[in-house]
Amino acid sequence: MFLRTHTTYAPWTIIEGNCKRYARIKALDGVIAAIEARIAEED
């Protein structure tokens, strides 16, 4: 599934889910990194 749906404009991010709190923080870190990268591209 990942090989067929992972694209440059909509990439997959795999997050470890053993600890719910850790998984939530990793998800937010991924979103923040994507937003910062997009802002840097526009500058």
PDB file of N, CA and C in Angstrom:
ATOM      1  N   MET A   1       0.823  -1.192   0.000  1.00  0.00           N
ATOM      2  CA  MET A   1       0.000   0.000   0.000  1.00  0.00           C
ATOM      3  C   MET A   1       0.868   1.257   0.000  1.00  0.00           C
ATOM      4  N   PHE A   2       1.915   1.270   0.806  1.00  0.00           N
ATOM      5  CA  PHE A   2       2.761   2.457   0.890  1.00  0.00           C
ATOM      6  C   PHE A   2       3.449   2.754  -0.442  1.00  0.00           C
ATOM      7  N   LEU A   3       3.920   1.729  -1.113  1.00  0.00           N
ATOM      8  CA  LEU A   3       4.610   1.937  -2.389  1.00  0.00           C
ATOM      9  C   LEU A   3       3.692   2.530  -3.454  1.00  0.00           C
ATOM     10  N   ARG A   4       2.428   2.193  -3.415  1.00  0.00           N
ATOM     11  CA  ARG A   4       1.500   2.663  -4.442  1.00  0.00           C
ATOM     12  C   ARG A   4       0.874   4.025  -4.123  1.00  0.00           C
ATOM     13  N   THR A   5       0.890   4.413  -2.856  1.00  0.00           N
ATOM     14  CA  THR A   5       0.202   5.659  -2.490  1.00  0.00           C
ATOM     15  C   THR A   5       1.135   6.762  -2.004  1.00  0.00           C
ATOM     16  N   HIS A   6       2.394   6.481  -1.751  1.00  0.00           N
ATOM     17  CA  HIS A   6       3.352   7.493  -1.294  1.00  0.00           C
ATOM     18  C   HIS A   6       3.771   8.351  -2.491  1.00  0.00           C
ATOM     19  N   THR A   7       3.536   9.654  -2.409  1.00  0.00           N
ATOM     20  CA  THR A   7       3.914  10.573  -3.478  1.00  0.00           C
ATOM     21  C   THR A   7       4.678  11.744  -2.878  1.00  0.00           C
ATOM     22  N   THR A   8       5.288  12.554  -3.724  1.00  0.00           N
ATOM     23  CA  THR A   8       6.038  13.713  -3.228  1.00  0.00           C
ATOM     24  C   THR A   8       5.116  14.772  -2.648  1.00  0.00           C
ATOM     25  N   TYR A   9       3.906  14.874  -3.164  1.00  0.00           N
ATOM     26  CA  TYR A   9       2.984  15.892  -2.649  1.00  0.00           C
ATOM     27  C   TYR A   9       2.113  15.367  -1.507  1.00  0.00           C
ATOM     28  N   ALA A  10       2.090  14.060  -1.275  1.00  0.00           N
ATOM     29  CA  ALA A  10       1.335  13.479  -0.171  1.00  0.00           C
ATOM     30  C   ALA A  10       2.092  12.268   0.386  1.00  0.00           C
ATOM     31  N   PRO A  11       3.214  12.525   1.071  1.00  0.00           N
ATOM     32  CA  PRO A  11       4.025  11.411   1.557  1.00  0.00           C
ATOM     33  C   PRO A  11       3.437  10.758   2.811  1.00  0.00           C
ATOM     34  N   TRP A  12       3.735   9.486   2.969  1.00  0.00           N
ATOM     35  CA  TRP A  12       3.371   8.758   4.177  1.00  0.00           C
ATOM     36  C   TRP A  12       4.434   9.009   5.236  1.00  0.00           C
ATOM     37  N   THR A  13       4.010   9.064   6.478  1.00  0.00           N
ATOM     38  CA  THR A  13       4.921   9.114   7.610  1.00  0.00           C
ATOM     39  C   THR A  13       4.534   7.987   8.551  1.00  0.00           C
ATOM     40  N   ILE A  14       5.450   7.075   8.801  1.00  0.00           N
ATOM     41  CA  ILE A  14       5.167   5.951   9.683  1.00  0.00           C
ATOM     42  C   ILE A  14       5.506   6.364  11.108  1.00  0.00           C
ATOM     43  N   ILE A  15       4.536   6.187  12.010  1.00  0.00           N
ATOM     44  CA  ILE A  15       4.689   6.604  13.398  1.00  0.00           C
ATOM     45  C   ILE A  15       4.531   5.376  14.295  1.00  0.00           C
ATOM     46  N   GLU A  16       5.490   5.183  15.184  1.00  0.00           N
ATOM     47  CA  GLU A  16       5.403   4.089  16.133  1.00  0.00           C
ATOM     48  C   GLU A  16       4.223   4.341  17.074  1.00  0.00           C
ATOM     49  N   GLY A  17       3.434   3.323  17.358  1.00  0.00           N
ATOM     50  CA  GLY A  17       2.230   3.537  18.146  1.00  0.00           C
ATOM     51  C   GLY A  17       2.173   2.769  19.445  1.00  0.00           C
ATOM     52  N   ASN A  18       3.306   2.389  19.995  1.00  0.00           N
ATOM     53  CA  ASN A  18       3.289   1.654  21.257  1.00  0.00           C
ATOM     54  C   ASN A  18       2.833   2.513  22.425  1.00  0.00           C
ATOM     55  N   CYS A  19       3.158   3.783  22.370  1.00  0.00           N
ATOM     56  CA  CYS A  19       2.771   4.727  23.418  1.00  0.00           C
ATOM     57  C   CYS A  19       1.932   5.826  22.770  1.00  0.00           C
ATOM     58  N   LYS A  20       0.695   5.982  23.226  1.00  0.00           N
ATOM     59  CA  LYS A  20      -0.216   6.941  22.602  1.00  0.00           C
ATOM     60  C   LYS A  20       0.321   8.371  22.675  1.00  0.00           C
ATOM     61  N   ARG A  21       0.886   8.761  23.790  1.00  0.00           N
ATOM     62  CA  ARG A  21       1.414  10.116  23.933  1.00  0.00           C
ATOM     63  C   ARG A  21       2.584  10.360  22.979  1.00  0.00           C
ATOM     64  N   TYR A  22       3.505   9.398  22.898  1.00  0.00           N
ATOM     65  CA  TYR A  22       4.647   9.501  21.986  1.00  0.00           C
ATOM     66  C   TYR A  22       4.166   9.596  20.539  1.00  0.00           C
ATOM     67  N   ALA A  23       3.187   8.781  20.172  1.00  0.00           N
ATOM     68  CA  ALA A  23       2.669   8.782  18.801  1.00  0.00           C
ATOM     69  C   ALA A  23       2.044  10.131  18.457  1.00  0.00           C
ATOM     70  N   ARG A  24       1.324  10.703  19.367  1.00  0.00           N
ATOM     71  CA  ARG A  24       0.707  12.014  19.112  1.00  0.00           C
ATOM     72  C   ARG A  24       1.763  13.098  18.920  1.00  0.00           C
ATOM     73  N   ILE A  25       2.801  13.070  19.755  1.00  0.00           N
ATOM     74  CA  ILE A  25       3.870  14.061  19.631  1.00  0.00           C
ATOM     75  C   ILE A  25       4.605  13.887  18.306  1.00  0.00           C
ATOM     76  N   LYS A  26       4.894  12.634  17.913  1.00  0.00           N
ATOM     77  CA  LYS A  26       5.561  12.375  16.631  1.00  0.00           C
ATOM     78  C   LYS A  26       4.700  12.854  15.474  1.00  0.00           C
ATOM     79  N   ALA A  27       3.383  12.653  15.546  1.00  0.00           N
ATOM     80  CA  ALA A  27       2.490  13.105  14.482  1.00  0.00           C
ATOM     81  C   ALA A  27       2.529  14.629  14.373  1.00  0.00           C
ATOM     82  N   LEU A  28       2.479  15.308  15.494  1.00  0.00           N
ATOM     83  CA  LEU A  28       2.536  16.772  15.473  1.00  0.00           C
ATOM     84  C   LEU A  28       3.890  17.264  14.971  1.00  0.00           C
ATOM     85  N   ASP A  29       4.973  16.595  15.354  1.00  0.00           N
ATOM     86  CA  ASP A  29       6.306  16.962  14.852  1.00  0.00           C
ATOM     87  C   ASP A  29       6.363  16.834  13.328  1.00  0.00           C
ATOM     88  N   GLY A  30       5.745  15.795  12.802  1.00  0.00           N
ATOM     89  CA  GLY A  30       5.719  15.602  11.348  1.00  0.00           C
ATOM     90  C   GLY A  30       4.945  16.697  10.641  1.00  0.00           C
ATOM     91  N   VAL A  31       3.818  17.086  11.202  1.00  0.00           N
ATOM     92  CA  VAL A  31       3.014  18.158  10.613  1.00  0.00           C
ATOM     93  C   VAL A  31       3.779  19.479  10.656  1.00  0.00           C
ATOM     94  N   ILE A  32       4.398  19.762  11.783  1.00  0.00           N
ATOM     95  CA  ILE A  32       5.168  21.004  11.918  1.00  0.00           C
ATOM     96  C   ILE A  32       6.320  21.034  10.921  1.00  0.00           C
ATOM     97  N   ALA A  33       7.019  19.925  10.777  1.00  0.00           N
ATOM     98  CA  ALA A  33       8.137  19.860   9.830  1.00  0.00           C
ATOM     99  C   ALA A  33       7.664  20.084   8.399  1.00  0.00           C
ATOM    100  N   ALA A  34       6.515  19.516   8.052  1.00  0.00           N
ATOM    101  CA  ALA A  34       5.981  19.689   6.698  1.00  0.00           C
ATOM    102  C   ALA A  34       5.591  21.150   6.451  1.00  0.00           C
ATOM    103  N   ILE A  35       4.985  21.777   7.428  1.00  0.00           N
ATOM    104  CA  ILE A  35       4.591  23.188   7.286  1.00  0.00           C
ATOM    105  C   ILE A  35       5.825  24.076   7.159  1.00  0.00           C
ATOM    106  N   GLU A  36       6.836  23.831   8.002  1.00  0.00           N
ATOM    107  CA  GLU A  36       8.059  24.629   7.932  1.00  0.00           C
ATOM    108  C   GLU A  36       8.776  24.440   6.600  1.00  0.00           C
ATOM    109  N   ALA A  37       8.783  23.226   6.077  1.00  0.00           N
ATOM    110  CA  ALA A  37       9.421  22.967   4.776  1.00  0.00           C
ATOM    111  C   ALA A  37       8.680  23.699   3.671  1.00  0.00           C
ATOM    112  N   ARG A  38       7.378  23.705   3.727  1.00  0.00           N
ATOM    113  CA  ARG A  38       6.584  24.390   2.693  1.00  0.00           C
ATOM    114  C   ARG A  38       6.803  25.901   2.763  1.00  0.00           C
ATOM    115  N   ILE A  39       6.871  26.444   3.951  1.00  0.00           N
ATOM    116  CA  ILE A  39       7.128  27.882   4.109  1.00  0.00           C
ATOM    117  C   ILE A  39       8.508  28.234   3.563  1.00  0.00           C
ATOM    118  N   ALA A  40       9.505  27.382   3.836  1.00  0.00           N
ATOM    119  CA  ALA A  40      10.861  27.616   3.339  1.00  0.00           C
ATOM    120  C   ALA A  40      10.925  27.573   1.829  1.00  0.00           C
ATOM    121  N   GLU A  41      10.105  26.733   1.184  1.00  0.00           N
ATOM    122  CA  GLU A  41      10.068  26.642  -0.281  1.00  0.00           C
ATOM    123  C   GLU A  41       9.541  27.940  -0.887  1.00  0.00           C
ATOM    124  N   GLU A  42       8.599  28.568  -0.227  1.00  0.00           N
ATOM    125  CA  GLU A  42       7.965  29.772  -0.764  1.00  0.00           C
ATOM    126  C   GLU A  42       8.844  31.006  -0.628  1.00  0.00           C
ATOM    127  N   ASP A  43       9.789  30.983   0.303  1.00  0.00           N
ATOM    128  CA  ASP A  43      10.652  32.159   0.510  1.00  0.00           C
ATOM    129  C   ASP A  43      11.709  32.277  -0.530  1.00  0.00           C
TER     130      ASP A  43
END
